Amino acid sequence: MMRESKSFERGGIQLPTSGISRIGDLRSKEVINIVDGRRLGFVKDVEFSLESGRILSVVLPGPWSFFHLFGKETEMVIPWRDIRKIGEEIILVDIRDSHT
């Protein structure tokens, strides 16, 4: 017996029309700043609001530094409003201030 395929939207995290269905899908994408073309790294984590269920920002591991050797790692937090496009393999962001 064949089950009818139904299209439904899960409650919770609201992603823009990006083809992303799970947060884990973001981790496989490289983040690139469209302002200067720099490769910023891959998504490490996301922050979201428990109240609204919406993503607030994506978190990337910081660059290697002397402090990383002692277990302290800086992170780059990119607000969701700075994300311009999510593609098959990359996420384009528009960062013009001191995030980087």
N, C-alpha and C. Protein backbone atom coordinates (compact mmCIF):
# COMPACT_ATOMS: atom_id res chain seq x y z
N MET A 1 0.84 -1.17 0.00
CA MET A 1 0.00 0.00 0.00
C MET A 1 0.89 1.24 0.00
N MET A 2 0.63 2.15 -0.88
CA MET A 2 1.43 3.36 -0.99
C MET A 2 0.82 4.48 -0.17
N ARG A 3 1.67 5.12 0.63
CA ARG A 3 1.18 6.24 1.44
C ARG A 3 1.24 7.50 0.64
N GLU A 4 0.25 8.31 0.81
CA GLU A 4 0.19 9.59 0.12
C GLU A 4 1.20 10.54 0.74
N SER A 5 1.99 11.17 -0.09
CA SER A 5 2.99 12.12 0.40
C SER A 5 2.32 13.45 0.69
N LYS A 6 2.41 13.88 1.93
CA LYS A 6 1.80 15.15 2.31
C LYS A 6 2.88 16.17 2.60
N SER A 7 2.62 17.36 2.15
CA SER A 7 3.54 18.46 2.42
C SER A 7 3.07 19.17 3.68
N PHE A 8 3.94 19.32 4.64
CA PHE A 8 3.58 20.03 5.85
C PHE A 8 4.79 20.78 6.37
N GLU A 9 4.53 21.77 7.16
CA GLU A 9 5.61 22.56 7.74
C GLU A 9 5.63 22.30 9.23
N ARG A 10 6.79 21.96 9.73
CA ARG A 10 6.93 21.74 11.16
C ARG A 10 6.88 23.06 11.89
N GLY A 11 6.35 23.03 13.07
CA GLY A 11 6.42 24.21 13.91
C GLY A 11 7.85 24.39 14.37
N GLY A 12 8.21 25.57 14.75
CA GLY A 12 9.57 25.77 15.25
C GLY A 12 10.37 26.70 14.40
N ILE A 13 11.58 26.32 14.11
CA ILE A 13 12.52 27.20 13.45
C ILE A 13 12.04 27.57 12.06
N GLN A 14 11.99 28.85 11.79
CA GLN A 14 11.54 29.36 10.52
C GLN A 14 12.75 29.77 9.70
N LEU A 15 13.07 29.03 8.67
CA LEU A 15 14.18 29.38 7.79
C LEU A 15 13.61 30.08 6.57
N PRO A 16 14.35 31.03 6.02
CA PRO A 16 13.88 31.67 4.80
C PRO A 16 13.87 30.65 3.67
N THR A 17 13.36 31.02 2.54
CA THR A 17 13.27 30.09 1.42
C THR A 17 14.67 29.71 0.97
N SER A 18 15.23 28.73 1.62
CA SER A 18 16.62 28.36 1.37
C SER A 18 16.80 26.89 1.06
N GLY A 19 15.74 26.10 1.18
CA GLY A 19 15.89 24.68 0.95
C GLY A 19 16.49 23.94 2.14
N ILE A 20 16.68 24.62 3.25
CA ILE A 20 17.23 24.00 4.46
C ILE A 20 16.07 23.42 5.26
N SER A 21 16.18 22.16 5.63
CA SER A 21 15.11 21.56 6.40
C SER A 21 15.55 21.23 7.82
N ARG A 22 16.87 21.19 8.05
CA ARG A 22 17.37 20.88 9.38
C ARG A 22 18.55 21.78 9.70
N ILE A 23 18.70 22.08 10.97
CA ILE A 23 19.81 22.92 11.40
C ILE A 23 21.14 22.25 11.03
N GLY A 24 21.21 20.96 11.11
CA GLY A 24 22.43 20.23 10.77
C GLY A 24 22.88 20.49 9.34
N ASP A 25 21.94 20.82 8.45
CA ASP A 25 22.29 21.12 7.07
C ASP A 25 23.17 22.37 6.98
N LEU A 26 23.02 23.28 7.92
CA LEU A 26 23.83 24.51 7.91
C LEU A 26 25.29 24.22 8.20
N ARG A 27 25.58 23.18 8.97
CA ARG A 27 26.96 22.89 9.38
C ARG A 27 27.84 22.47 8.22
N SER A 28 27.26 22.02 7.14
CA SER A 28 28.06 21.59 6.00
C SER A 28 28.33 22.72 5.01
N LYS A 29 27.91 23.93 5.35
CA LYS A 29 28.05 25.06 4.43
C LYS A 29 29.14 26.03 4.88
N GLU A 30 29.91 26.49 3.91
CA GLU A 30 30.95 27.47 4.19
C GLU A 30 30.35 28.86 4.15
N VAL A 31 30.78 29.73 5.06
CA VAL A 31 30.27 31.09 5.13
C VAL A 31 31.28 32.03 4.46
N ILE A 32 30.77 32.85 3.54
CA ILE A 32 31.62 33.79 2.80
C ILE A 32 31.02 35.19 2.92
N ASN A 33 31.88 36.16 3.22
CA ASN A 33 31.45 37.54 3.35
C ASN A 33 31.44 38.19 1.96
N ILE A 34 30.28 38.69 1.52
CA ILE A 34 30.19 39.29 0.19
C ILE A 34 30.83 40.67 0.12
N VAL A 35 31.12 41.27 1.26
CA VAL A 35 31.74 42.59 1.27
C VAL A 35 33.18 42.53 0.77
N ASP A 36 33.94 41.53 1.25
CA ASP A 36 35.35 41.44 0.87
C ASP A 36 35.75 40.08 0.31
N GLY A 37 34.81 39.15 0.16
CA GLY A 37 35.09 37.84 -0.42
C GLY A 37 35.80 36.87 0.51
N ARG A 38 35.98 37.25 1.78
CA ARG A 38 36.70 36.38 2.72
C ARG A 38 35.89 35.14 3.07
N ARG A 39 36.60 34.03 3.19
CA ARG A 39 36.01 32.80 3.69
C ARG A 39 36.08 32.86 5.20
N LEU A 40 34.95 32.76 5.84
CA LEU A 40 34.90 32.90 7.30
C LEU A 40 34.90 31.57 8.03
N GLY A 41 34.63 30.49 7.34
CA GLY A 41 34.61 29.17 7.97
C GLY A 41 33.27 28.49 7.81
N PHE A 42 33.09 27.41 8.54
CA PHE A 42 31.87 26.63 8.48
C PHE A 42 31.05 26.87 9.75
N VAL A 43 29.75 26.77 9.63
CA VAL A 43 28.86 26.97 10.78
C VAL A 43 29.16 25.93 11.84
N LYS A 44 29.37 26.41 13.06
CA LYS A 44 29.65 25.54 14.20
C LYS A 44 28.38 25.26 14.99
N ASP A 45 27.54 26.31 15.10
CA ASP A 45 26.35 26.22 15.94
C ASP A 45 25.37 27.29 15.51
N VAL A 46 24.18 27.27 16.05
CA VAL A 46 23.20 28.32 15.82
C VAL A 46 22.61 28.74 17.16
N GLU A 47 22.18 29.98 17.23
CA GLU A 47 21.46 30.47 18.41
C GLU A 47 20.04 30.76 17.96
N PHE A 48 19.08 30.33 18.77
CA PHE A 48 17.70 30.61 18.40
C PHE A 48 16.88 30.97 19.62
N SER A 49 15.77 31.61 19.35
CA SER A 49 14.87 32.04 20.41
C SER A 49 13.92 30.90 20.75
N LEU A 50 13.87 30.54 22.02
CA LEU A 50 12.92 29.52 22.44
C LEU A 50 11.49 30.04 22.36
N GLU A 51 11.33 31.34 22.53
CA GLU A 51 10.00 31.94 22.49
C GLU A 51 9.41 31.93 21.08
N SER A 52 10.19 32.37 20.11
CA SER A 52 9.65 32.49 18.74
C SER A 52 10.00 31.29 17.87
N GLY A 53 11.03 30.52 18.27
CA GLY A 53 11.46 29.40 17.45
C GLY A 53 12.26 29.83 16.24
N ARG A 54 12.72 31.05 16.20
CA ARG A 54 13.46 31.57 15.05
C ARG A 54 14.95 31.62 15.33
N ILE A 55 15.73 31.41 14.28
CA ILE A 55 17.17 31.50 14.40
C ILE A 55 17.55 32.96 14.60
N LEU A 56 18.42 33.21 15.58
CA LEU A 56 18.91 34.56 15.86
C LEU A 56 20.26 34.81 15.22
N SER A 57 21.11 33.78 15.18
CA SER A 57 22.44 33.96 14.62
C SER A 57 23.06 32.60 14.33
N VAL A 58 24.12 32.64 13.52
CA VAL A 58 24.94 31.46 13.31
C VAL A 58 26.28 31.72 13.96
N VAL A 59 26.90 30.67 14.45
CA VAL A 59 28.17 30.78 15.18
C VAL A 59 29.23 30.01 14.40
N LEU A 60 30.36 30.69 14.18
CA LEU A 60 31.50 30.08 13.51
C LEU A 60 32.65 30.02 14.49
N PRO A 61 33.50 28.99 14.37
CA PRO A 61 34.68 28.96 15.24
C PRO A 61 35.59 30.12 14.87
N GLY A 62 36.23 30.68 15.87
CA GLY A 62 37.14 31.79 15.64
C GLY A 62 38.45 31.33 15.04
N PRO A 63 39.27 32.27 14.61
CA PRO A 63 40.56 31.91 14.05
C PRO A 63 41.47 31.32 15.13
N TRP A 64 42.42 30.52 14.70
CA TRP A 64 43.39 29.96 15.65
C TRP A 64 44.18 31.09 16.26
N SER A 65 44.43 30.97 17.52
CA SER A 65 45.22 31.99 18.20
C SER A 65 46.05 31.32 19.30
N PHE A 66 46.89 32.09 19.89
CA PHE A 66 47.71 31.61 20.99
C PHE A 66 46.82 31.08 22.11
N PHE A 67 45.69 31.76 22.36
CA PHE A 67 44.80 31.36 23.44
C PHE A 67 44.10 30.04 23.16
N HIS A 68 43.95 29.68 21.90
CA HIS A 68 43.31 28.42 21.56
C HIS A 68 44.08 27.24 22.15
N LEU A 69 45.38 27.39 22.26
CA LEU A 69 46.19 26.32 22.83
C LEU A 69 45.84 26.04 24.28
N PHE A 70 45.28 27.03 24.96
CA PHE A 70 44.91 26.87 26.36
C PHE A 70 43.42 26.60 26.54
N GLY A 71 42.75 26.22 25.46
CA GLY A 71 41.35 25.84 25.56
C GLY A 71 40.36 26.98 25.36
N LYS A 72 40.85 28.19 25.17
CA LYS A 72 39.93 29.29 24.95
C LYS A 72 39.83 29.54 23.44
N GLU A 73 38.63 29.45 22.93
CA GLU A 73 38.40 29.65 21.51
C GLU A 73 37.43 30.80 21.34
N THR A 74 37.80 31.77 20.54
CA THR A 74 36.87 32.85 20.25
C THR A 74 35.93 32.38 19.17
N GLU A 75 34.72 32.88 19.19
CA GLU A 75 33.72 32.51 18.20
C GLU A 75 33.28 33.76 17.46
N MET A 76 32.87 33.59 16.24
CA MET A 76 32.30 34.66 15.46
C MET A 76 30.79 34.44 15.42
N VAL A 77 30.02 35.40 15.91
CA VAL A 77 28.57 35.29 15.92
C VAL A 77 28.03 36.22 14.82
N ILE A 78 27.31 35.64 13.88
CA ILE A 78 26.77 36.40 12.77
C ILE A 78 25.26 36.46 12.91
N PRO A 79 24.72 37.66 13.14
CA PRO A 79 23.26 37.79 13.27
C PRO A 79 22.54 37.34 12.00
N TRP A 80 21.36 36.76 12.18
CA TRP A 80 20.58 36.26 11.05
C TRP A 80 20.30 37.36 10.03
N ARG A 81 20.15 38.60 10.49
CA ARG A 81 19.85 39.72 9.58
C ARG A 81 20.98 39.97 8.59
N ASP A 82 22.21 39.48 8.89
CA ASP A 82 23.35 39.68 8.00
C ASP A 82 23.49 38.57 6.96
N ILE A 83 22.66 37.54 7.04
CA ILE A 83 22.70 36.46 6.06
C ILE A 83 21.90 36.89 4.84
N ARG A 84 22.56 36.83 3.67
CA ARG A 84 21.92 37.28 2.44
C ARG A 84 21.39 36.14 1.59
N LYS A 85 22.10 35.01 1.56
CA LYS A 85 21.67 33.91 0.70
C LYS A 85 22.26 32.61 1.23
N ILE A 86 21.44 31.58 1.22
CA ILE A 86 21.90 30.24 1.59
C ILE A 86 21.81 29.39 0.33
N GLY A 87 22.97 28.93 -0.14
CA GLY A 87 23.03 28.13 -1.34
C GLY A 87 23.27 26.67 -1.03
N GLU A 88 23.55 25.91 -2.08
CA GLU A 88 23.79 24.47 -1.93
C GLU A 88 25.01 24.19 -1.05
N GLU A 89 26.08 24.98 -1.23
CA GLU A 89 27.32 24.71 -0.52
C GLU A 89 27.82 25.87 0.34
N ILE A 90 27.28 27.07 0.12
CA ILE A 90 27.78 28.23 0.86
C ILE A 90 26.65 29.08 1.42
N ILE A 91 27.02 29.89 2.39
CA ILE A 91 26.13 30.90 2.95
C ILE A 91 26.82 32.24 2.72
N LEU A 92 26.11 33.16 2.06
CA LEU A 92 26.66 34.49 1.81
C LEU A 92 26.16 35.43 2.89
N VAL A 93 27.10 36.15 3.51
CA VAL A 93 26.75 37.10 4.55
C VAL A 93 27.28 38.49 4.17
N ASP A 94 26.66 39.51 4.73
CA ASP A 94 27.05 40.89 4.48
C ASP A 94 27.48 41.48 5.82
N ILE A 95 28.79 41.44 6.07
CA ILE A 95 29.33 41.92 7.33
C ILE A 95 30.24 43.12 7.05
N ARG A 96 29.78 44.27 7.52
CA ARG A 96 30.53 45.51 7.27
C ARG A 96 31.13 46.09 8.53
N ASP A 97 30.79 45.54 9.69
CA ASP A 97 31.30 46.12 10.94
C ASP A 97 32.35 45.23 11.57
N SER A 98 32.51 45.31 12.86
CA SER A 98 33.62 44.66 13.57
C SER A 98 33.36 43.21 13.97
N HIS A 99 32.44 42.49 13.32
CA HIS A 99 32.27 41.06 13.63
C HIS A 99 33.54 40.30 13.33
N THR A 100 34.24 40.71 12.26
CA THR A 100 35.35 39.92 11.75
C THR A 100 36.69 40.41 12.21
